[in-house]
C-alpha atoms as a PDB file:
ATOM      1  CA  MET A   1      -0.097   0.248  -0.702  1.00  0.00           C
ATOM      2  CA  LYS A   2       0.722   3.414  -0.760  1.00  0.00           C
ATOM      3  CA  ASN A   3       2.064   5.502   2.219  1.00  0.00           C
ATOM      4  CA  LYS A   4       1.959   8.813  -0.176  1.00  0.00           C
ATOM      5  CA  MET A   5       0.087  10.935  -3.135  1.00  0.00           C
ATOM      6  CA  THR A   6       1.920  11.286  -6.248  1.00  0.00           C
ATOM      7  CA  ILE A   7       0.391  13.418  -8.313  1.00  0.00           C
ATOM      8  CA  ASP A   8      -0.489  10.893 -10.814  1.00  0.00           C
ATOM      9  CA  ASP A   9      -2.564   9.485  -8.472  1.00  0.00           C
ATOM     10  CA  ALA A  10      -4.160  12.773  -7.391  1.00  0.00           C
ATOM     11  CA  GLN A  11      -5.266  13.345 -11.618  1.00  0.00           C
ATOM     12  CA  ALA A  12      -6.042   9.714 -11.016  1.00  0.00           C
ATOM     13  CA  LEU A  13      -8.753  10.709  -8.752  1.00  0.00           C
ATOM     14  CA  ALA A  14      -9.659  13.690  -9.997  1.00  0.00           C
ATOM     15  CA  ILE A  15      -9.821  12.101 -13.634  1.00  0.00           C
ATOM     16  CA  ASN A  16     -11.976   9.162 -12.044  1.00  0.00           C
ATOM     17  CA  SER A  17     -14.402  11.689 -10.396  1.00  0.00           C
ATOM     18  CA  LEU A  18     -15.249  13.662 -12.974  1.00  0.00           C
ATOM     19  CA  VAL A  19     -15.389  10.395 -15.251  1.00  0.00           C
ATOM     20  CA  PHE A  20     -18.021   9.565 -12.396  1.00  0.00           C
ATOM     21  CA  LEU A  21     -20.389  12.499 -12.531  1.00  0.00           C
ATOM     22  CA  ALA A  22     -20.398  12.723 -16.228  1.00  0.00           C
ATOM     23  CA  GLY A  23     -21.854   9.116 -15.695  1.00  0.00           C
ATOM     24  CA  ASP A  24     -24.587  10.794 -13.465  1.00  0.00           C
ATOM     25  CA  ASP A  25     -26.770  13.709 -15.049  1.00  0.00           C
ATOM     26  CA  GLU A  26     -27.489  14.963 -12.122  1.00  0.00           C
ATOM     27  CA  LEU A  27     -24.840  15.188 -11.203  1.00  0.00           C
ATOM     28  CA  LEU A  28     -23.261  16.551 -13.744  1.00  0.00           C
ATOM     29  CA  SER A  29     -26.143  19.206 -14.393  1.00  0.00           C
ATOM     30  CA  ARG A  30     -24.925  20.300 -10.769  1.00  0.00           C
ATOM     31  CA  PHE A  31     -21.533  20.720 -12.455  1.00  0.00           C
ATOM     32  CA  LEU A  32     -21.944  22.380 -15.310  1.00  0.00           C
ATOM     33  CA  ALA A  33     -24.366  24.754 -13.742  1.00  0.00           C
ATOM     34  CA  LEU A  34     -21.710  25.840 -10.603  1.00  0.00           C
ATOM     35  CA  THR A  35     -18.460  25.627 -12.721  1.00  0.00           C
ATOM     36  CA  GLY A  36     -20.417  27.732 -15.507  1.00  0.00           C
ATOM     37  CA  ILE A  37     -18.666  25.275 -18.523  1.00  0.00           C
ATOM     38  CA  THR A  38     -21.198  23.308 -20.915  1.00  0.00           C
ATOM     39  CA  ALA A  39     -20.939  19.818 -21.959  1.00  0.00           C
ATOM     40  CA  ASP A  40     -19.135  20.551 -24.702  1.00  0.00           C
ATOM     41  CA  GLN A  41     -16.037  22.181 -23.352  1.00  0.00           C
ATOM     42  CA  ILE A  42     -15.344  19.645 -20.314  1.00  0.00           C
ATOM     43  CA  ARG A  43     -12.998  17.564 -22.963  1.00  0.00           C
ATOM     44  CA  SER A  44     -11.276  21.533 -23.691  1.00  0.00           C
ATOM     45  CA  ALA A  45     -11.458  22.599 -20.119  1.00  0.00           C
ATOM     46  CA  ALA A  46     -10.092  19.400 -18.444  1.00  0.00           C
ATOM     47  CA  SER A  47      -6.425  20.164 -20.205  1.00  0.00           C
ATOM     48  CA  GLU A  48      -6.900  23.812 -18.451  1.00  0.00           C
ATOM     49  CA  PRO A  49      -4.195  24.325 -15.149  1.00  0.00           C
ATOM     50  CA  GLY A  50      -7.003  23.982 -11.923  1.00  0.00           C
ATOM     51  CA  PHE A  51      -9.658  22.270 -13.685  1.00  0.00           C
ATOM     52  CA  LEU A  52      -8.860  18.964 -12.542  1.00  0.00           C
ATOM     53  CA  ALA A  53      -8.251  20.265  -8.861  1.00  0.00           C
ATOM     54  CA  GLY A  54     -12.419  21.673  -9.038  1.00  0.00           C
ATOM     55  CA  VAL A  55     -12.745  19.111  -9.850  1.00  0.00           C
ATOM     56  CA  LEU A  56     -12.290  17.868  -6.372  1.00  0.00           C
ATOM     57  CA  GLN A  57     -13.578  20.785  -4.992  1.00  0.00           C
ATOM     58  CA  PHE A  58     -17.000  19.776  -6.247  1.00  0.00           C
ATOM     59  CA  TYR A  59     -17.784  16.610  -4.543  1.00  0.00           C
ATOM     60  CA  LEU A  60     -15.349  17.721  -1.424  1.00  0.00           C
ATOM     61  CA  ALA A  61     -17.414  20.821  -1.156  1.00  0.00           C
ATOM     62  CA  HIS A  62     -20.673  18.684  -1.011  1.00  0.00           C
ATOM     63  CA  GLU A  63     -20.373  15.785   1.282  1.00  0.00           C
ATOM     64  CA  PRO A  64     -23.463  13.587  -0.046  1.00  0.00           C
ATOM     65  CA  THR A  65     -21.712  13.482  -3.455  1.00  0.00           C
ATOM     66  CA  LEU A  66     -17.630  13.047  -1.812  1.00  0.00           C
ATOM     67  CA  MET A  67     -19.520   9.667  -0.053  1.00  0.00           C
ATOM     68  CA  ARG A  68     -21.793   8.545  -3.120  1.00  0.00           C
ATOM     69  CA  TYR A  69     -18.347   8.417  -5.232  1.00  0.00           C
ATOM     70  CA  CYS A  70     -16.744   6.868  -2.105  1.00  0.00           C
ATOM     71  CA  GLU A  71     -19.375   4.163  -2.018  1.00  0.00           C
ATOM     72  CA  ALA A  72     -19.221   3.213  -5.368  1.00  0.00           C
ATOM     73  CA  THR A  73     -15.309   2.953  -5.763  1.00  0.00           C
ATOM     74  CA  GLY A  74     -14.857   2.888  -2.503  1.00  0.00           C
ATOM     75  CA  THR A  75     -11.965   5.201  -2.218  1.00  0.00           C
ATOM     76  CA  ASP A  76     -10.954   6.635   1.371  1.00  0.00           C
ATOM     77  CA  PRO A  77     -12.620  10.038   1.540  1.00  0.00           C
ATOM     78  CA  ALA A  78      -9.292  11.421   2.844  1.00  0.00           C
ATOM     79  CA  LEU A  79      -7.698  10.827  -0.410  1.00  0.00           C
ATOM     80  CA  PHE A  80      -9.728  13.812  -1.590  1.00  0.00           C
ATOM     81  CA  GLN A  81      -8.316  16.926   0.361  1.00  0.00           C
ATOM     82  CA  GLU A  82      -5.047  15.284   0.272  1.00  0.00           C
ATOM     83  CA  ALA A  83      -4.703  15.266  -4.084  1.00  0.00           C
ATOM     84  CA  LEU A  84      -6.434  18.603  -4.098  1.00  0.00           C
ATOM     85  CA  ARG A  85      -2.683  19.934  -2.393  1.00  0.00           C
ATOM     86  CA  LEU A  86      -0.809  18.123  -4.955  1.00  0.00           C
ATOM     87  CA  LEU A  87      -2.744  19.741  -7.910  1.00  0.00           C
ATOM     88  CA  PRO A  88      -2.083  23.074  -9.868  1.00  0.00           C
ATOM     89  CA  GLY A  89      -4.662  25.248  -8.388  1.00  0.00           C
ATOM     90  CA  GLY A  90      -5.844  23.238  -5.354  1.00  0.00           C
ATOM     91  CA  GLN A  91      -2.517  24.929  -3.301  1.00  0.00           C
ATOM     92  CA  ASP A  92      -5.045  28.057  -2.708  1.00  0.00           C
ATOM     93  CA  ILE A  93      -7.388  26.827  -0.865  1.00  0.00           C
END
């Protein structure tokens, strides 16, 4: 078992979290409304610095959403905060 999260681990968690919310119409609608982007802009936005941190912030800002993802995937919720600190834009939180 890994003791320390890497930037690759943080990016993987954020990408998997994005895929999870993209597969759920309710979550995707809320994410798009909060971020102000459209569904067709997600792919290009994902390459922007800070976008992946924003995905993690979306989950961290709403505990039921965070727990929904974590229960579905077997992920420790504490990993979100750790991953956020490693991603561009996440250090400012």
